[in-house]
Amino acid sequence: MITALALGAGTGFGMWLVVRGLFPPRPSLAEALAQLKRVPEAAPVLAPVSEGGVAAQLGRPLAELLGHVGAGWLVPGRIRQDLAVLDRSAERHLAEKVTLALTGLLLVPALAALAALDGSHVPLALPLWGALVLGVCGFVVPDLGIHADANRRRRDFRHALSSFLDLVVVALAGGGGVESALADAASIGAGWPFAYLRRALDQARLAREAPWTALGRLGTELGVGELSELAASVALAGTEGAKVRASLAAKATSLRTHQLAEAETADQAASERMSLPVVVLFAGFLLFIGFPAVERVLHSL
């Protein structure tokens, strides 16, 4: 019964995907008029690389099909933001998920078929449930560890941002304007964070928009609130004529203080984790010493 239900659900889902791809839903009149009046959005600062390994190449056709039928929800918004920080596209990630899921689905039935050819009898429920479990695991595995990797990359960006703020303050102290100070500070630094800052400022110059607007958009795409706050502070100087050199210097100092506190917290957590193996080793040593005496006492009873 369960096998028939699972096979029927899979067949129905596949037929729904085929019908959805052949006959996509038509937009309503209100949606069509809104599309005509829609103001084009600004181009994103981050440009993730879509190329990938063998898994991404194999799963790309099916991932594109899923994207066309409106299955983009398979990659949530939080995962998409983390992928953008890691220079990975959502399409590549979905292709890898699809490839691993199909591999998990086909692995257990293939092994069961080989066992059947060898003369062994395998119940039908075993390869079915094994395929479902491995398929789900293969679809979920690519999402593991992405958030932690993205947070580490954001932490590195915050380190570079404090240096960028110091350079901006120095440029402002030298009598430069806000836009020239931002451009000069971004051109001096090296590494991927400064490359992102230069890309944002270059896009703002080509699009003839304020540089702090591009910096705020970059902070939103990266999920770095400090950069958005910097953009708001610089916008006051650019539009209202406010003197922000002192506030930027204070912001750089607070960033460094926060980073030092995070480093101390991480060191303390690492020290606590290091004490666990010592406790386990000491317990094993006590067990090794006391086991002969305990065994002799138990045998003498």
Protein backbone atom coordinates (compact mmCIF):
# COMPACT_ATOMS: atom_id res chain seq x y z
CA MET A 1 0.00 0.00 0.00
CA ILE A 2 2.74 2.45 0.96
CA THR A 3 4.72 1.52 -2.14
CA ALA A 4 1.72 2.19 -4.40
CA LEU A 5 1.07 5.55 -2.70
CA ALA A 6 4.70 6.63 -3.07
CA LEU A 7 4.83 5.61 -6.74
CA GLY A 8 1.52 7.36 -7.43
CA ALA A 9 2.66 10.56 -5.71
CA GLY A 10 5.89 10.60 -7.71
CA THR A 11 4.04 9.98 -10.98
CA GLY A 12 1.52 12.71 -10.23
CA PHE A 13 4.24 15.22 -9.32
CA GLY A 14 6.10 14.47 -12.54
CA MET A 15 2.96 14.89 -14.64
CA TRP A 16 2.21 18.19 -12.88
CA LEU A 17 5.70 19.47 -13.72
CA VAL A 18 5.27 18.47 -17.37
CA VAL A 19 1.86 20.18 -17.67
CA ARG A 20 3.14 23.29 -15.86
CA GLY A 21 6.07 23.52 -18.25
CA LEU A 22 3.97 23.02 -21.40
CA PHE A 23 1.13 25.32 -20.34
CA PRO A 24 2.48 28.03 -18.03
CA PRO A 25 -0.16 30.15 -16.25
CA ARG A 26 -1.05 33.39 -18.00
CA PRO A 27 -0.65 36.60 -15.96
CA SER A 28 -3.72 38.63 -15.14
CA LEU A 29 -4.42 42.02 -16.72
CA ALA A 30 -3.41 43.85 -13.55
CA GLU A 31 -0.09 42.00 -13.42
CA ALA A 32 0.57 42.73 -17.11
CA LEU A 33 -0.12 46.47 -16.63
CA ALA A 34 2.05 46.54 -13.51
CA GLN A 35 4.84 44.88 -15.49
CA LEU A 36 4.63 47.64 -18.12
CA LYS A 37 4.84 50.39 -15.51
CA ARG A 38 7.52 48.67 -13.44
CA VAL A 39 10.65 50.69 -12.85
CA PRO A 40 13.74 48.59 -13.56
CA GLU A 41 15.58 47.61 -10.42
CA ALA A 42 19.20 48.46 -9.89
CA ALA A 43 21.66 45.79 -10.91
CA PRO A 44 22.95 43.75 -7.96
CA VAL A 45 26.49 44.48 -6.87
CA LEU A 46 27.33 40.84 -6.29
CA ALA A 47 27.72 38.70 -9.41
CA PRO A 48 27.94 35.05 -8.31
CA VAL A 49 29.85 32.63 -10.50
CA SER A 50 27.48 30.14 -12.14
CA GLU A 51 30.12 27.61 -13.21
CA GLY A 52 30.57 24.55 -11.05
CA GLY A 53 31.88 21.02 -10.98
CA VAL A 54 30.55 17.83 -12.50
CA ALA A 55 27.51 17.74 -10.20
CA ALA A 56 26.45 21.23 -11.28
CA GLN A 57 26.93 20.44 -14.97
CA LEU A 58 24.86 17.25 -14.77
CA GLY A 59 21.99 18.77 -12.85
CA ARG A 60 21.80 22.09 -14.72
CA PRO A 61 19.13 21.03 -17.31
CA LEU A 62 16.75 19.75 -14.65
CA ALA A 63 17.48 22.77 -12.42
CA GLU A 64 16.62 25.12 -15.31
CA LEU A 65 13.38 23.20 -15.85
CA LEU A 66 12.51 23.55 -12.18
CA GLY A 67 13.24 27.26 -12.38
CA HIS A 68 10.94 27.66 -15.39
CA VAL A 69 8.02 25.93 -13.66
CA GLY A 70 8.31 28.17 -10.60
CA ALA A 71 10.19 25.87 -8.24
CA GLY A 72 12.68 28.53 -7.15
CA TRP A 73 11.36 28.15 -3.59
CA LEU A 74 13.52 25.03 -3.35
CA VAL A 75 16.39 27.44 -2.59
CA PRO A 76 15.10 29.74 0.22
CA GLY A 77 15.93 33.43 0.42
CA ARG A 78 18.37 33.00 3.32
CA ILE A 79 20.30 30.37 1.38
CA ARG A 80 20.34 32.64 -1.68
CA GLN A 81 21.86 35.48 0.35
CA ASP A 82 24.51 33.18 1.78
CA LEU A 83 25.29 31.86 -1.71
CA ALA A 84 25.72 35.41 -3.01
CA VAL A 85 28.22 36.09 -0.24
CA LEU A 86 30.12 32.93 -1.22
CA ASP A 87 30.15 33.88 -4.95
CA ARG A 88 27.86 30.99 -5.88
CA SER A 89 24.70 31.26 -7.93
CA ALA A 90 21.39 29.82 -6.81
CA GLU A 91 21.08 27.96 -10.14
CA ARG A 92 24.39 26.19 -9.58
CA HIS A 93 23.40 25.29 -6.03
CA LEU A 94 20.04 23.92 -7.16
CA ALA A 95 21.78 21.88 -9.88
CA GLU A 96 24.08 20.31 -7.29
CA LYS A 97 21.13 19.53 -5.03
CA VAL A 98 19.24 17.88 -7.90
CA THR A 99 22.25 15.80 -8.93
CA LEU A 100 22.87 14.52 -5.41
CA ALA A 101 19.16 13.81 -4.90
CA LEU A 102 18.96 11.78 -8.12
CA THR A 103 22.15 9.93 -7.17
CA GLY A 104 20.63 9.02 -3.81
CA LEU A 105 17.38 7.94 -5.45
CA LEU A 106 19.10 5.67 -7.97
CA LEU A 107 21.88 4.26 -5.80
CA VAL A 108 19.87 1.88 -3.62
CA PRO A 109 17.68 0.51 -6.48
CA ALA A 110 20.83 -0.07 -8.53
CA LEU A 111 22.40 -2.03 -5.68
CA ALA A 112 19.17 -3.98 -5.23
CA ALA A 113 19.12 -4.80 -8.95
CA LEU A 114 22.71 -6.06 -8.76
CA ALA A 115 21.78 -8.19 -5.76
CA ALA A 116 18.77 -9.59 -7.65
CA LEU A 117 20.99 -10.48 -10.61
CA ASP A 118 23.25 -12.32 -8.18
CA GLY A 119 20.29 -14.38 -6.98
CA SER A 120 19.61 -12.61 -3.69
CA HIS A 121 16.04 -11.73 -2.81
CA VAL A 122 15.59 -8.13 -1.63
CA PRO A 123 12.18 -6.95 -0.39
CA LEU A 124 10.72 -4.14 -2.49
CA ALA A 125 10.14 -1.88 0.51
CA LEU A 126 13.87 -1.84 1.39
CA PRO A 127 15.19 -0.22 -1.82
CA LEU A 128 12.16 2.08 -1.95
CA TRP A 129 12.65 3.51 1.52
CA GLY A 130 16.42 3.58 1.05
CA ALA A 131 16.01 5.56 -2.18
CA LEU A 132 13.67 8.04 -0.51
CA VAL A 133 15.96 8.56 2.49
CA LEU A 134 19.12 8.95 0.39
CA GLY A 135 17.30 11.22 -2.07
CA VAL A 136 16.18 13.56 0.69
CA CYS A 137 19.65 13.49 2.28
CA GLY A 138 21.28 14.27 -1.06
CA PHE A 139 18.95 17.22 -1.55
CA VAL A 140 19.64 18.63 1.92
CA VAL A 141 23.40 17.98 2.19
CA PRO A 142 24.48 20.94 -0.04
CA ASP A 143 22.70 23.34 2.33
CA LEU A 144 24.74 22.19 5.33
CA GLY A 145 27.63 24.43 6.28
CA ILE A 146 26.70 27.25 3.87
CA HIS A 147 25.47 29.58 6.62
CA ALA A 148 28.63 29.05 8.69
CA ASP A 149 30.88 29.69 5.67
CA ALA A 150 28.91 32.84 4.79
CA ASN A 151 29.19 34.12 8.37
CA ARG A 152 32.95 33.64 8.29
CA ARG A 153 33.10 35.59 5.03
CA ARG A 154 30.97 38.36 6.53
CA ARG A 155 33.33 38.50 9.51
CA ASP A 156 36.26 38.93 7.14
CA PHE A 157 34.38 41.72 5.38
CA ARG A 158 33.81 43.50 8.70
CA HIS A 159 37.56 43.36 9.38
CA ALA A 160 38.23 44.99 6.02
CA LEU A 161 35.43 47.51 6.58
CA SER A 162 37.13 48.89 9.70
CA SER A 163 40.29 49.50 7.66
CA PHE A 164 38.20 51.07 4.90
CA LEU A 165 36.66 53.47 7.42
CA ASP A 166 40.10 54.48 8.67
CA LEU A 167 41.19 55.22 5.10
CA VAL A 168 38.04 57.26 4.47
CA VAL A 169 38.68 59.29 7.64
CA VAL A 170 42.26 59.99 6.55
CA ALA A 171 41.06 61.10 3.11
CA LEU A 172 38.44 63.38 4.65
CA ALA A 173 41.01 64.85 7.02
CA GLY A 174 43.16 65.69 3.99
CA GLY A 175 40.41 67.94 2.64
CA GLY A 176 38.87 65.57 0.11
CA GLY A 177 35.17 65.30 -0.61
CA VAL A 178 32.98 62.39 0.40
CA GLU A 179 32.86 60.73 -3.03
CA SER A 180 36.59 61.13 -3.67
CA ALA A 181 37.38 59.86 -0.15
CA LEU A 182 35.30 56.72 -0.73
CA ALA A 183 36.90 56.09 -4.12
CA ASP A 184 40.45 56.65 -2.86
CA ALA A 185 39.94 54.40 0.18
CA ALA A 186 38.49 51.60 -1.95
CA SER A 187 41.32 51.83 -4.50
CA ILE A 188 44.04 51.47 -1.87
CA GLY A 189 42.97 48.24 -0.22
CA ALA A 190 43.45 44.71 -1.56
CA GLY A 191 41.43 41.54 -1.23
CA TRP A 192 37.89 40.53 -2.11
CA PRO A 193 36.16 42.95 0.35
CA PHE A 194 37.80 45.98 -1.28
CA ALA A 195 37.04 44.47 -4.70
CA TYR A 196 33.35 44.41 -3.72
CA LEU A 197 33.55 48.02 -2.55
CA ARG A 198 35.24 49.12 -5.78
CA ARG A 199 32.62 47.26 -7.82
CA ALA A 200 29.81 49.01 -5.94
CA LEU A 201 31.37 52.44 -6.44
CA ASP A 202 32.04 51.74 -10.12
CA GLN A 203 28.42 50.70 -10.66
CA ALA A 204 27.26 53.87 -8.91
CA ARG A 205 29.44 56.01 -11.16
CA LEU A 206 28.26 54.27 -14.33
CA ALA A 207 24.60 54.43 -13.26
CA ARG A 208 25.00 58.07 -12.15
CA GLU A 209 23.69 57.41 -8.69
CA ALA A 210 25.03 58.37 -5.30
CA PRO A 211 27.87 56.11 -4.10
CA TRP A 212 26.29 55.64 -0.69
CA THR A 213 23.22 54.18 -2.39
CA ALA A 214 25.38 51.46 -3.97
CA LEU A 215 27.16 50.86 -0.66
CA GLY A 216 23.83 50.45 1.12
CA ARG A 217 22.68 47.99 -1.54
CA LEU A 218 25.92 46.04 -1.13
CA GLY A 219 25.39 45.91 2.64
CA THR A 220 21.88 44.55 2.11
CA GLU A 221 23.08 41.90 -0.36
CA LEU A 222 25.90 40.81 1.94
CA GLY A 223 23.80 40.95 5.08
CA VAL A 224 26.33 43.27 6.75
CA GLY A 225 24.39 45.86 8.73
CA GLU A 226 27.50 47.90 9.50
CA LEU A 227 27.95 48.74 5.82
CA SER A 228 24.33 49.89 5.56
CA GLU A 229 24.87 52.11 8.61
CA LEU A 230 28.01 53.51 6.98
CA ALA A 231 26.03 54.29 3.82
CA ALA A 232 23.39 56.13 5.88
CA SER A 233 26.05 58.18 7.66
CA VAL A 234 27.81 59.10 4.43
CA ALA A 235 24.46 60.01 2.86
CA LEU A 236 24.03 62.69 5.53
CA ALA A 237 27.34 64.20 4.53
CA GLY A 238 26.52 64.01 0.83
CA THR A 239 22.98 65.41 1.00
CA GLU A 240 22.80 67.48 4.19
CA GLY A 241 26.41 68.60 4.38
CA ALA A 242 26.94 67.02 7.80
CA LYS A 243 30.46 66.50 9.08
CA VAL A 244 30.78 62.75 9.51
CA ARG A 245 34.51 62.33 9.95
CA ALA A 246 34.22 61.96 13.73
CA SER A 247 31.29 59.56 13.45
CA LEU A 248 33.14 57.41 10.91
CA ALA A 249 36.19 57.28 13.19
CA ALA A 250 33.95 56.25 16.09
CA LYS A 251 32.31 53.62 13.89
CA ALA A 252 35.72 52.17 12.99
CA THR A 253 36.69 52.05 16.67
CA SER A 254 33.43 50.32 17.63
CA LEU A 255 33.92 47.77 14.84
CA ARG A 256 37.38 46.89 16.09
CA THR A 257 36.14 46.64 19.68
CA HIS A 258 33.34 44.32 18.60
CA GLN A 259 35.78 42.18 16.61
CA LEU A 260 38.12 41.90 19.60
CA ALA A 261 35.20 40.83 21.80
CA GLU A 262 34.18 38.19 19.24
CA ALA A 263 37.78 36.93 19.06
CA GLU A 264 37.99 36.63 22.86
CA THR A 265 34.66 34.77 22.94
CA ALA A 266 35.84 32.36 20.25
CA ASP A 267 39.12 31.76 22.14
CA GLN A 268 37.27 31.01 25.36
CA ALA A 269 34.93 28.60 23.56
CA ALA A 270 37.93 26.85 21.98
CA SER A 271 39.60 26.55 25.39
CA GLU A 272 36.46 24.97 26.84
CA ARG A 273 36.28 22.51 23.96
CA MET A 274 39.91 21.57 24.52
CA SER A 275 39.17 20.64 28.15
CA LEU A 276 36.71 17.92 27.10
CA PRO A 277 39.33 15.53 25.60
CA VAL A 278 41.43 15.95 28.76
CA VAL A 279 38.47 14.97 30.95
CA VAL A 280 37.71 11.94 28.77
CA LEU A 281 41.38 10.90 28.83
CA PHE A 282 41.49 11.24 32.63
CA ALA A 283 38.31 9.17 33.00
CA GLY A 284 39.77 6.47 30.76
CA PHE A 285 42.98 6.48 32.81
CA LEU A 286 41.01 6.04 36.05
CA LEU A 287 39.02 3.20 34.46
CA PHE A 288 42.21 1.53 33.29
CA ILE A 289 43.70 1.69 36.79
CA GLY A 290 40.58 0.72 38.74
CA PHE A 291 39.26 -2.04 36.46
CA PRO A 292 41.53 -4.87 37.81
CA ALA A 293 40.62 -4.10 41.42
CA VAL A 294 36.90 -3.91 40.64
CA GLU A 295 37.06 -7.16 38.67
CA ARG A 296 38.86 -8.94 41.52
CA VAL A 297 36.29 -7.73 44.05
CA LEU A 298 33.40 -8.89 41.85
CA HIS A 299 34.94 -12.34 41.33
CA SER A 300 35.56 -12.79 45.06
CA LEU A 301 31.87 -12.29 45.91
